[in-house]
Amino acid sequence: MHWKDLLDKLACPACKQSLVIGTQADTLRCTGCNRVYPVQDDIPILLVDRATVAK
């Protein structure tokens, strides 16, 4: 599965908006609330308490 296919199926757990590949390596960013979720070993860690908020 490619990242685009996966991103079409995932949503931000905080606000339910779309996720896009982040500007930092190994991150996904929410298009709604700007939370940035880490990706470790090609696995998105979609836990709100592990996210940071982009400015």
PDB file of N, CA and C in Angstrom:
ATOM      1  N   MET A   1       0.855  -1.191   0.000  1.00  0.00           N
ATOM      2  CA  MET A   1       0.000   0.000   0.000  1.00  0.00           C
ATOM      3  C   MET A   1       0.890   1.239   0.000  1.00  0.00           C
ATOM      4  N   HIS A   2       0.519   2.193  -0.790  1.00  0.00           N
ATOM      5  CA  HIS A   2       1.266   3.443  -0.885  1.00  0.00           C
ATOM      6  C   HIS A   2       0.732   4.441   0.146  1.00  0.00           C
ATOM      7  N   TRP A   3       1.560   5.442   0.466  1.00  0.00           N
ATOM      8  CA  TRP A   3       1.157   6.455   1.457  1.00  0.00           C
ATOM      9  C   TRP A   3      -0.118   7.163   1.046  1.00  0.00           C
ATOM     10  N   LYS A   4      -0.282   7.460  -0.247  1.00  0.00           N
ATOM     11  CA  LYS A   4      -1.489   8.168  -0.679  1.00  0.00           C
ATOM     12  C   LYS A   4      -2.736   7.332  -0.382  1.00  0.00           C
ATOM     13  N   ASP A   5      -2.669   6.048  -0.656  1.00  0.00           N
ATOM     14  CA  ASP A   5      -3.805   5.158  -0.357  1.00  0.00           C
ATOM     15  C   ASP A   5      -4.104   5.136   1.136  1.00  0.00           C
ATOM     16  N   LEU A   6      -3.060   5.099   1.943  1.00  0.00           N
ATOM     17  CA  LEU A   6      -3.238   5.072   3.392  1.00  0.00           C
ATOM     18  C   LEU A   6      -3.807   6.396   3.897  1.00  0.00           C
ATOM     19  N   LEU A   7      -3.300   7.510   3.391  1.00  0.00           N
ATOM     20  CA  LEU A   7      -3.777   8.820   3.835  1.00  0.00           C
ATOM     21  C   LEU A   7      -5.244   9.046   3.464  1.00  0.00           C
ATOM     22  N   ASP A   8      -5.709   8.422   2.382  1.00  0.00           N
ATOM     23  CA  ASP A   8      -7.119   8.527   2.006  1.00  0.00           C
ATOM     24  C   ASP A   8      -8.027   7.855   3.037  1.00  0.00           C
ATOM     25  N   LYS A   9      -7.475   6.919   3.800  1.00  0.00           N
ATOM     26  CA  LYS A   9      -8.261   6.164   4.772  1.00  0.00           C
ATOM     27  C   LYS A   9      -8.116   6.680   6.212  1.00  0.00           C
ATOM     28  N   LEU A  10      -7.053   7.436   6.481  1.00  0.00           N
ATOM     29  CA  LEU A  10      -6.791   7.918   7.838  1.00  0.00           C
ATOM     30  C   LEU A  10      -7.386   9.303   8.073  1.00  0.00           C
ATOM     31  N   ALA A  11      -7.685   9.582   9.332  1.00  0.00           N
ATOM     32  CA  ALA A  11      -8.159  10.912   9.731  1.00  0.00           C
ATOM     33  C   ALA A  11      -7.537  11.249  11.074  1.00  0.00           C
ATOM     34  N   CYS A  12      -7.455  12.524  11.362  1.00  0.00           N
ATOM     35  CA  CYS A  12      -6.936  12.994  12.646  1.00  0.00           C
ATOM     36  C   CYS A  12      -7.863  12.496  13.752  1.00  0.00           C
ATOM     37  N   PRO A  13      -7.316  11.858  14.778  1.00  0.00           N
ATOM     38  CA  PRO A  13      -8.167  11.384  15.866  1.00  0.00           C
ATOM     39  C   PRO A  13      -8.756  12.519  16.705  1.00  0.00           C
ATOM     40  N   ALA A  14      -8.172  13.702  16.644  1.00  0.00           N
ATOM     41  CA  ALA A  14      -8.662  14.835  17.439  1.00  0.00           C
ATOM     42  C   ALA A  14      -9.833  15.546  16.768  1.00  0.00           C
ATOM     43  N   CYS A  15      -9.716  15.837  15.460  1.00  0.00           N
ATOM     44  CA  CYS A  15     -10.748  16.649  14.806  1.00  0.00           C
ATOM     45  C   CYS A  15     -11.373  15.983  13.580  1.00  0.00           C
ATOM     46  N   LYS A  16     -10.879  14.806  13.217  1.00  0.00           N
ATOM     47  CA  LYS A  16     -11.422  13.999  12.106  1.00  0.00           C
ATOM     48  C   LYS A  16     -11.179  14.576  10.715  1.00  0.00           C
ATOM     49  N   GLN A  17     -10.239  15.514  10.590  1.00  0.00           N
ATOM     50  CA  GLN A  17      -9.890  16.073   9.280  1.00  0.00           C
ATOM     51  C   GLN A  17      -8.812  15.219   8.612  1.00  0.00           C
ATOM     52  N   SER A  18      -8.482  15.542   7.385  1.00  0.00           N
ATOM     53  CA  SER A  18      -7.508  14.789   6.593  1.00  0.00           C
ATOM     54  C   SER A  18      -6.093  14.963   7.129  1.00  0.00           C
ATOM     55  N   LEU A  19      -5.264  13.957   6.841  1.00  0.00           N
ATOM     56  CA  LEU A  19      -3.847  14.007   7.171  1.00  0.00           C
ATOM     57  C   LEU A  19      -3.049  14.101   5.880  1.00  0.00           C
ATOM     58  N   VAL A  20      -1.943  14.832   5.941  1.00  0.00           N
ATOM     59  CA  VAL A  20      -1.021  14.939   4.811  1.00  0.00           C
ATOM     60  C   VAL A  20       0.385  14.663   5.326  1.00  0.00           C
ATOM     61  N   ILE A  21       1.293  14.381   4.405  1.00  0.00           N
ATOM     62  CA  ILE A  21       2.684  14.165   4.805  1.00  0.00           C
ATOM     63  C   ILE A  21       3.236  15.480   5.321  1.00  0.00           C
ATOM     64  N   GLY A  22       3.878  15.427   6.500  1.00  0.00           N
ATOM     65  CA  GLY A  22       4.386  16.635   7.142  1.00  0.00           C
ATOM     66  C   GLY A  22       5.641  17.173   6.485  1.00  0.00           C
ATOM     67  N   THR A  23       5.998  18.384   6.864  1.00  0.00           N
ATOM     68  CA  THR A  23       7.204  19.005   6.318  1.00  0.00           C
ATOM     69  C   THR A  23       8.464  18.440   6.961  1.00  0.00           C
ATOM     70  N   GLN A  24       8.339  17.945   8.179  1.00  0.00           N
ATOM     71  CA  GLN A  24       9.468  17.287   8.841  1.00  0.00           C
ATOM     72  C   GLN A  24       9.481  15.821   8.440  1.00  0.00           C
ATOM     73  N   ALA A  25      10.649  15.228   8.417  1.00  0.00           N
ATOM     74  CA  ALA A  25      10.757  13.818   8.062  1.00  0.00           C
ATOM     75  C   ALA A  25       9.980  12.961   9.061  1.00  0.00           C
ATOM     76  N   ASP A  26       9.321  11.948   8.551  1.00  0.00           N
ATOM     77  CA  ASP A  26       8.588  10.980   9.370  1.00  0.00           C
ATOM     78  C   ASP A  26       7.484  11.603  10.211  1.00  0.00           C
ATOM     79  N   THR A  27       6.677  12.450   9.602  1.00  0.00           N
ATOM     80  CA  THR A  27       5.522  13.029  10.298  1.00  0.00           C
ATOM     81  C   THR A  27       4.313  13.092   9.373  1.00  0.00           C
ATOM     82  N   LEU A  28       3.135  13.131   9.984  1.00  0.00           N
ATOM     83  CA  LEU A  28       1.881  13.403   9.287  1.00  0.00           C
ATOM     84  C   LEU A  28       1.252  14.607   9.956  1.00  0.00           C
ATOM     85  N   ARG A  29       0.712  15.530   9.144  1.00  0.00           N
ATOM     86  CA  ARG A  29       0.110  16.750   9.675  1.00  0.00           C
ATOM     87  C   ARG A  29      -1.374  16.782   9.359  1.00  0.00           C
ATOM     88  N   CYS A  30      -2.159  17.219  10.346  1.00  0.00           N
ATOM     89  CA  CYS A  30      -3.595  17.361  10.166  1.00  0.00           C
ATOM     90  C   CYS A  30      -3.884  18.674   9.449  1.00  0.00           C
ATOM     91  N   THR A  31      -4.777  18.625   8.458  1.00  0.00           N
ATOM     92  CA  THR A  31      -5.134  19.831   7.711  1.00  0.00           C
ATOM     93  C   THR A  31      -6.107  20.715   8.485  1.00  0.00           C
ATOM     94  N   GLY A  32      -6.724  20.189   9.532  1.00  0.00           N
ATOM     95  CA  GLY A  32      -7.691  20.955  10.315  1.00  0.00           C
ATOM     96  C   GLY A  32      -7.077  21.643  11.517  1.00  0.00           C
ATOM     97  N   CYS A  33      -6.552  20.847  12.449  1.00  0.00           N
ATOM     98  CA  CYS A  33      -6.068  21.410  13.719  1.00  0.00           C
ATOM     99  C   CYS A  33      -4.554  21.578  13.758  1.00  0.00           C
ATOM    100  N   ASN A  34      -3.858  21.225  12.673  1.00  0.00           N
ATOM    101  CA  ASN A  34      -2.400  21.365  12.544  1.00  0.00           C
ATOM    102  C   ASN A  34      -1.602  20.522  13.528  1.00  0.00           C
ATOM    103  N   ARG A  35      -2.206  19.471  14.075  1.00  0.00           N
ATOM    104  CA  ARG A  35      -1.420  18.559  14.898  1.00  0.00           C
ATOM    105  C   ARG A  35      -0.469  17.783  13.986  1.00  0.00           C
ATOM    106  N   VAL A  36       0.714  17.503  14.512  1.00  0.00           N
ATOM    107  CA  VAL A  36       1.726  16.755  13.771  1.00  0.00           C
ATOM    108  C   VAL A  36       1.963  15.449  14.511  1.00  0.00           C
ATOM    109  N   TYR A  37       1.730  14.342  13.812  1.00  0.00           N
ATOM    110  CA  TYR A  37       1.858  13.014  14.398  1.00  0.00           C
ATOM    111  C   TYR A  37       3.148  12.361  13.913  1.00  0.00           C
ATOM    112  N   PRO A  38       3.875  11.699  14.806  1.00  0.00           N
ATOM    113  CA  PRO A  38       5.105  11.031  14.385  1.00  0.00           C
ATOM    114  C   PRO A  38       4.812   9.747  13.620  1.00  0.00           C
ATOM    115  N   VAL A  39       5.769   9.370  12.777  1.00  0.00           N
ATOM    116  CA  VAL A  39       5.736   8.086  12.078  1.00  0.00           C
ATOM    117  C   VAL A  39       7.010   7.356  12.483  1.00  0.00           C
ATOM    118  N   GLN A  40       6.854   6.185  13.078  1.00  0.00           N
ATOM    119  CA  GLN A  40       8.010   5.405  13.528  1.00  0.00           C
ATOM    120  C   GLN A  40       8.001   4.056  12.821  1.00  0.00           C
ATOM    121  N   ASP A  41       9.106   3.718  12.173  1.00  0.00           N
ATOM    122  CA  ASP A  41       9.219   2.459  11.429  1.00  0.00           C
ATOM    123  C   ASP A  41       8.064   2.298  10.441  1.00  0.00           C
ATOM    124  N   ASP A  42       7.719   3.371   9.746  1.00  0.00           N
ATOM    125  CA  ASP A  42       6.635   3.411   8.756  1.00  0.00           C
ATOM    126  C   ASP A  42       5.251   3.174   9.345  1.00  0.00           C
ATOM    127  N   ILE A  43       5.091   3.374  10.652  1.00  0.00           N
ATOM    128  CA  ILE A  43       3.799   3.227  11.315  1.00  0.00           C
ATOM    129  C   ILE A  43       3.388   4.573  11.898  1.00  0.00           C
ATOM    130  N   PRO A  44       2.257   5.152  11.437  1.00  0.00           N
ATOM    131  CA  PRO A  44       1.790   6.422  12.005  1.00  0.00           C
ATOM    132  C   PRO A  44       1.327   6.221  13.452  1.00  0.00           C
ATOM    133  N   ILE A  45       1.810   7.068  14.347  1.00  0.00           N
ATOM    134  CA  ILE A  45       1.425   7.020  15.751  1.00  0.00           C
ATOM    135  C   ILE A  45       0.345   8.083  15.953  1.00  0.00           C
ATOM    136  N   LEU A  46      -0.911   7.677  15.790  1.00  0.00           N
ATOM    137  CA  LEU A  46      -2.026   8.633  15.816  1.00  0.00           C
ATOM    138  C   LEU A  46      -2.630   8.724  17.210  1.00  0.00           C
ATOM    139  N   LEU A  47      -1.806   9.098  18.150  1.00  0.00           N
ATOM    140  CA  LEU A  47      -2.233   9.323  19.539  1.00  0.00           C
ATOM    141  C   LEU A  47      -2.143  10.824  19.816  1.00  0.00           C
ATOM    142  N   VAL A  48      -3.233  11.406  20.266  1.00  0.00           N
ATOM    143  CA  VAL A  48      -3.272  12.844  20.484  1.00  0.00           C
ATOM    144  C   VAL A  48      -2.202  13.289  21.472  1.00  0.00           C
ATOM    145  N   ASP A  49      -1.926  12.484  22.486  1.00  0.00           N
ATOM    146  CA  ASP A  49      -0.918  12.882  23.474  1.00  0.00           C
ATOM    147  C   ASP A  49       0.515  12.778  22.938  1.00  0.00           C
ATOM    148  N   ARG A  50       0.721  12.134  21.799  1.00  0.00           N
ATOM    149  CA  ARG A  50       2.046  12.077  21.175  1.00  0.00           C
ATOM    150  C   ARG A  50       2.227  13.144  20.096  1.00  0.00           C
ATOM    151  N   ALA A  51       1.152  13.850  19.746  1.00  0.00           N
ATOM    152  CA  ALA A  51       1.202  14.853  18.689  1.00  0.00           C
ATOM    153  C   ALA A  51       1.710  16.186  19.228  1.00  0.00           C
ATOM    154  N   THR A  52       2.277  16.965  18.320  1.00  0.00           N
ATOM    155  CA  THR A  52       2.622  18.355  18.622  1.00  0.00           C
ATOM    156  C   THR A  52       1.727  19.222  17.730  1.00  0.00           C
ATOM    157  N   VAL A  53       1.628  20.502  18.035  1.00  0.00           N
ATOM    158  CA  VAL A  53       0.811  21.395  17.218  1.00  0.00           C
ATOM    159  C   VAL A  53       1.727  22.305  16.433  1.00  0.00           C
ATOM    160  N   ALA A  54       1.596  22.256  15.100  1.00  0.00           N
ATOM    161  CA  ALA A  54       2.415  23.094  14.219  1.00  0.00           C
ATOM    162  C   ALA A  54       1.932  24.526  14.265  1.00  0.00           C
ATOM    163  N   LYS A  55       2.841  25.448  14.061  1.00  0.00           N
ATOM    164  CA  LYS A  55       2.505  26.867  14.073  1.00  0.00           C
ATOM    165  C   LYS A  55       2.178  27.347  12.695  1.00  0.00           C
TER     166      LYS A  55
END
